[in-house]
Amino acid sequence: MAQQDSNISRIATIQLNCGLAKPGASLASFGIDMPRFCREFNDKTKDQKDEVNPVPVTVKIVAFKNKDFQFTIKTPPTTFLIKRTLKIEKGSANAKLTKVATLTKEQITEIAKIKMPDLNAYALEAAIKIVAGTAKNMGIEVSE
């Protein structure tokens, strides 16, 4: 980190839509320069911006006492990527009884490749198992 740890006022994680961050209540409690944060965040995520179906990402913000900040952008949630791939609104209300779609091995592999930097997995095969587990919990069948 560029700043010393003693200058950190807060570390937090929030979820924002790519290219659509605005100053507001979700950022007010950090004590940072909100317009500058929004400008920098929107610039970094403008290639993923989608007005119709906003892409949510998790953002880790380190706020410093002098109102400066650093932030790290994670990949979109696995559930979002699955729903976007299958073009469905939501998963099943009862995943064990009602199946809403089927996800192929190729689709799972593509999602796992996107999520790999943020998953607790060293190998792609482990990431594929994590994504498949998420899909099953959403009431989505996984084809082999």
C-alpha atoms as a PDB file:
ATOM      1  CA  MET A   1       0.000   0.000   0.000  1.00  0.00           C
ATOM      2  CA  ALA A   2       1.117   3.497  -0.779  1.00  0.00           C
ATOM      3  CA  GLN A   3      -0.111   4.789   2.568  1.00  0.00           C
ATOM      4  CA  GLN A   4       0.841   3.561   6.017  1.00  0.00           C
ATOM      5  CA  ASP A   5      -1.603   1.276   7.803  1.00  0.00           C
ATOM      6  CA  SER A   6      -1.990   3.777  10.660  1.00  0.00           C
ATOM      7  CA  ASN A   7      -3.579   6.244   8.210  1.00  0.00           C
ATOM      8  CA  ILE A   8      -6.400   3.867   7.271  1.00  0.00           C
ATOM      9  CA  SER A   9      -9.763   5.038   8.561  1.00  0.00           C
ATOM     10  CA  ARG A  10     -11.918   2.247   7.129  1.00  0.00           C
ATOM     11  CA  ILE A  11     -11.854  -0.862   4.956  1.00  0.00           C
ATOM     12  CA  ALA A  12     -15.166  -2.004   3.535  1.00  0.00           C
ATOM     13  CA  THR A  13     -16.698  -4.013   0.735  1.00  0.00           C
ATOM     14  CA  ILE A  14     -19.741  -2.865  -1.238  1.00  0.00           C
ATOM     15  CA  GLN A  15     -21.469  -3.877  -4.439  1.00  0.00           C
ATOM     16  CA  LEU A  16     -21.818  -1.372  -7.283  1.00  0.00           C
ATOM     17  CA  ASN A  17     -22.999  -1.594 -10.889  1.00  0.00           C
ATOM     18  CA  CYS A  18     -20.292  -1.233 -13.533  1.00  0.00           C
ATOM     19  CA  GLY A  19     -20.082   2.267 -14.977  1.00  0.00           C
ATOM     20  CA  LEU A  20     -23.066   3.482 -12.955  1.00  0.00           C
ATOM     21  CA  ALA A  21     -21.628   4.573  -9.588  1.00  0.00           C
ATOM     22  CA  LYS A  22     -23.020   7.830  -8.195  1.00  0.00           C
ATOM     23  CA  PRO A  23     -22.246   9.745  -4.998  1.00  0.00           C
ATOM     24  CA  GLY A  24     -24.787   8.770  -2.383  1.00  0.00           C
ATOM     25  CA  ALA A  25     -25.579   7.064   0.889  1.00  0.00           C
ATOM     26  CA  SER A  26     -23.668   3.867   0.078  1.00  0.00           C
ATOM     27  CA  LEU A  27     -20.414   5.843  -0.220  1.00  0.00           C
ATOM     28  CA  ALA A  28     -21.055   8.656   2.298  1.00  0.00           C
ATOM     29  CA  SER A  29     -19.911   6.712   5.354  1.00  0.00           C
ATOM     30  CA  PHE A  30     -16.434   6.088   3.911  1.00  0.00           C
ATOM     31  CA  GLY A  31     -15.324   9.713   4.257  1.00  0.00           C
ATOM     32  CA  ILE A  32     -13.753   9.780   0.779  1.00  0.00           C
ATOM     33  CA  ASP A  33     -13.970  12.164  -2.164  1.00  0.00           C
ATOM     34  CA  MET A  34     -17.144  10.591  -3.622  1.00  0.00           C
ATOM     35  CA  PRO A  35     -17.148  12.348  -7.024  1.00  0.00           C
ATOM     36  CA  ARG A  36     -13.520  11.337  -7.631  1.00  0.00           C
ATOM     37  CA  PHE A  37     -14.203   7.747  -6.551  1.00  0.00           C
ATOM     38  CA  CYS A  38     -17.247   7.521  -8.855  1.00  0.00           C
ATOM     39  CA  ARG A  39     -15.299   8.977 -11.775  1.00  0.00           C
ATOM     40  CA  GLU A  40     -12.385   6.534 -11.289  1.00  0.00           C
ATOM     41  CA  PHE A  41     -14.677   3.539 -10.721  1.00  0.00           C
ATOM     42  CA  ASN A  42     -16.839   4.348 -13.746  1.00  0.00           C
ATOM     43  CA  ASP A  43     -13.741   4.822 -15.929  1.00  0.00           C
ATOM     44  CA  LYS A  44     -12.354   1.413 -14.893  1.00  0.00           C
ATOM     45  CA  THR A  45     -15.674  -0.373 -15.446  1.00  0.00           C
ATOM     46  CA  LYS A  46     -17.080   1.461 -18.480  1.00  0.00           C
ATOM     47  CA  ASP A  47     -16.322  -1.495 -20.787  1.00  0.00           C
ATOM     48  CA  GLN A  48     -18.716  -3.660 -18.696  1.00  0.00           C
ATOM     49  CA  LYS A  49     -21.464  -1.010 -18.425  1.00  0.00           C
ATOM     50  CA  ASP A  50     -24.948  -2.147 -19.403  1.00  0.00           C
ATOM     51  CA  GLU A  51     -27.942   0.158 -18.897  1.00  0.00           C
ATOM     52  CA  VAL A  52     -30.562  -2.574 -19.443  1.00  0.00           C
ATOM     53  CA  ASN A  53     -29.008  -5.312 -17.288  1.00  0.00           C
ATOM     54  CA  PRO A  54     -26.452  -3.620 -14.973  1.00  0.00           C
ATOM     55  CA  VAL A  55     -23.414  -5.738 -14.117  1.00  0.00           C
ATOM     56  CA  PRO A  56     -22.832  -5.779 -10.346  1.00  0.00           C
ATOM     57  CA  VAL A  57     -19.292  -6.080  -9.004  1.00  0.00           C
ATOM     58  CA  THR A  58     -17.905  -6.214  -5.497  1.00  0.00           C
ATOM     59  CA  VAL A  59     -15.580  -3.334  -4.640  1.00  0.00           C
ATOM     60  CA  LYS A  60     -13.156  -3.345  -1.718  1.00  0.00           C
ATOM     61  CA  ILE A  61     -12.459   0.229  -0.617  1.00  0.00           C
ATOM     62  CA  VAL A  62      -9.615   1.258   1.661  1.00  0.00           C
ATOM     63  CA  ALA A  63     -10.349   4.764   2.960  1.00  0.00           C
ATOM     64  CA  PHE A  64      -7.582   6.856   4.486  1.00  0.00           C
ATOM     65  CA  LYS A  65      -7.859   9.605   7.099  1.00  0.00           C
ATOM     66  CA  ASN A  66      -6.872  12.277   4.544  1.00  0.00           C
ATOM     67  CA  LYS A  67      -9.969  11.381   2.397  1.00  0.00           C
ATOM     68  CA  ASP A  68      -7.786   9.513  -0.095  1.00  0.00           C
ATOM     69  CA  PHE A  69      -8.715   5.959  -1.085  1.00  0.00           C
ATOM     70  CA  GLN A  70      -7.713   2.821  -2.932  1.00  0.00           C
ATOM     71  CA  PHE A  71     -10.124   0.296  -4.357  1.00  0.00           C
ATOM     72  CA  THR A  72     -10.072  -3.169  -5.842  1.00  0.00           C
ATOM     73  CA  ILE A  73     -12.745  -4.430  -8.225  1.00  0.00           C
ATOM     74  CA  LYS A  74     -13.739  -8.095  -8.057  1.00  0.00           C
ATOM     75  CA  THR A  75     -15.530 -10.142 -10.718  1.00  0.00           C
ATOM     76  CA  PRO A  76     -19.349 -10.168 -10.936  1.00  0.00           C
ATOM     77  CA  PRO A  77     -21.160 -12.625  -8.623  1.00  0.00           C
ATOM     78  CA  THR A  78     -21.378 -16.204  -9.879  1.00  0.00           C
ATOM     79  CA  THR A  79     -25.175 -16.134  -9.683  1.00  0.00           C
ATOM     80  CA  PHE A  80     -25.283 -13.072 -11.943  1.00  0.00           C
ATOM     81  CA  LEU A  81     -23.003 -14.729 -14.518  1.00  0.00           C
ATOM     82  CA  ILE A  82     -25.116 -17.900 -14.499  1.00  0.00           C
ATOM     83  CA  LYS A  83     -28.386 -15.980 -14.924  1.00  0.00           C
ATOM     84  CA  ARG A  84     -26.882 -13.865 -17.728  1.00  0.00           C
ATOM     85  CA  THR A  85     -25.533 -16.954 -19.522  1.00  0.00           C
ATOM     86  CA  LEU A  86     -28.879 -18.734 -19.342  1.00  0.00           C
ATOM     87  CA  LYS A  87     -30.919 -15.552 -19.933  1.00  0.00           C
ATOM     88  CA  ILE A  88     -33.132 -16.162 -16.890  1.00  0.00           C
ATOM     89  CA  GLU A  89     -34.468 -13.685 -14.321  1.00  0.00           C
ATOM     90  CA  LYS A  90     -33.900 -15.742 -11.185  1.00  0.00           C
ATOM     91  CA  GLY A  91     -33.152 -19.180  -9.833  1.00  0.00           C
ATOM     92  CA  SER A  92     -35.648 -21.629  -8.402  1.00  0.00           C
ATOM     93  CA  ALA A  93     -37.496 -20.886  -5.165  1.00  0.00           C
ATOM     94  CA  ASN A  94     -37.062 -24.563  -4.254  1.00  0.00           C
ATOM     95  CA  ALA A  95     -33.850 -25.823  -5.856  1.00  0.00           C
ATOM     96  CA  LYS A  96     -34.395 -29.474  -4.883  1.00  0.00           C
ATOM     97  CA  LEU A  97     -37.858 -29.771  -6.435  1.00  0.00           C
ATOM     98  CA  THR A  98     -37.999 -27.229  -9.255  1.00  0.00           C
ATOM     99  CA  LYS A  99     -35.351 -26.955 -11.973  1.00  0.00           C
ATOM    100  CA  VAL A 100     -35.395 -23.750 -14.021  1.00  0.00           C
ATOM    101  CA  ALA A 101     -32.682 -24.355 -16.637  1.00  0.00           C
ATOM    102  CA  THR A 102     -29.730 -26.494 -17.671  1.00  0.00           C
ATOM    103  CA  LEU A 103     -26.116 -25.365 -17.735  1.00  0.00           C
ATOM    104  CA  THR A 104     -23.613 -27.145 -19.989  1.00  0.00           C
ATOM    105  CA  LYS A 105     -20.062 -28.094 -19.045  1.00  0.00           C
ATOM    106  CA  GLU A 106     -18.766 -25.509 -21.563  1.00  0.00           C
ATOM    107  CA  GLN A 107     -20.866 -22.735 -20.012  1.00  0.00           C
ATOM    108  CA  ILE A 108     -19.686 -23.666 -16.510  1.00  0.00           C
ATOM    109  CA  THR A 109     -16.076 -23.648 -17.705  1.00  0.00           C
ATOM    110  CA  GLU A 110     -16.455 -20.144 -19.204  1.00  0.00           C
ATOM    111  CA  ILE A 111     -17.966 -18.806 -15.971  1.00  0.00           C
ATOM    112  CA  ALA A 112     -15.227 -20.510 -13.920  1.00  0.00           C
ATOM    113  CA  LYS A 113     -12.546 -18.851 -16.075  1.00  0.00           C
ATOM    114  CA  ILE A 114     -14.110 -15.440 -15.416  1.00  0.00           C
ATOM    115  CA  LYS A 115     -14.439 -16.099 -11.655  1.00  0.00           C
ATOM    116  CA  MET A 116     -11.032 -17.786 -11.211  1.00  0.00           C
ATOM    117  CA  PRO A 117      -9.187 -14.707  -9.792  1.00  0.00           C
ATOM    118  CA  ASP A 118     -11.736 -14.347  -6.963  1.00  0.00           C
ATOM    119  CA  LEU A 119     -12.427 -17.989  -6.111  1.00  0.00           C
ATOM    120  CA  ASN A 120     -10.676 -19.973  -3.425  1.00  0.00           C
ATOM    121  CA  ALA A 121      -9.353 -22.445  -5.999  1.00  0.00           C
ATOM    122  CA  TYR A 122      -5.943 -23.097  -7.481  1.00  0.00           C
ATOM    123  CA  ALA A 123      -7.054 -25.192 -10.445  1.00  0.00           C
ATOM    124  CA  LEU A 124      -9.746 -24.631 -13.056  1.00  0.00           C
ATOM    125  CA  GLU A 125     -11.333 -27.989 -12.183  1.00  0.00           C
ATOM    126  CA  ALA A 126     -11.886 -26.819  -8.595  1.00  0.00           C
ATOM    127  CA  ALA A 127     -13.382 -23.547  -9.856  1.00  0.00           C
ATOM    128  CA  ILE A 128     -15.713 -25.524 -12.130  1.00  0.00           C
ATOM    129  CA  LYS A 129     -16.949 -27.522  -9.107  1.00  0.00           C
ATOM    130  CA  ILE A 130     -17.623 -24.290  -7.185  1.00  0.00           C
ATOM    131  CA  VAL A 131     -19.624 -22.805 -10.082  1.00  0.00           C
ATOM    132  CA  ALA A 132     -21.528 -26.076 -10.578  1.00  0.00           C
ATOM    133  CA  GLY A 133     -22.426 -26.105  -6.874  1.00  0.00           C
ATOM    134  CA  THR A 134     -23.752 -22.554  -7.096  1.00  0.00           C
ATOM    135  CA  ALA A 135     -25.830 -23.499 -10.147  1.00  0.00           C
ATOM    136  CA  LYS A 136     -27.315 -26.538  -8.361  1.00  0.00           C
ATOM    137  CA  ASN A 137     -28.253 -24.335  -5.389  1.00  0.00           C
ATOM    138  CA  MET A 138     -30.111 -22.062  -7.823  1.00  0.00           C
ATOM    139  CA  GLY A 139     -32.194 -24.966  -9.155  1.00  0.00           C
ATOM    140  CA  ILE A 140     -30.206 -25.284 -12.366  1.00  0.00           C
ATOM    141  CA  GLU A 141     -29.315 -28.701 -13.728  1.00  0.00           C
ATOM    142  CA  VAL A 142     -25.709 -29.280 -14.696  1.00  0.00           C
ATOM    143  CA  SER A 143     -25.206 -31.444 -17.783  1.00  0.00           C
ATOM    144  CA  GLU A 144     -22.027 -33.435 -18.195  1.00  0.00           C
END
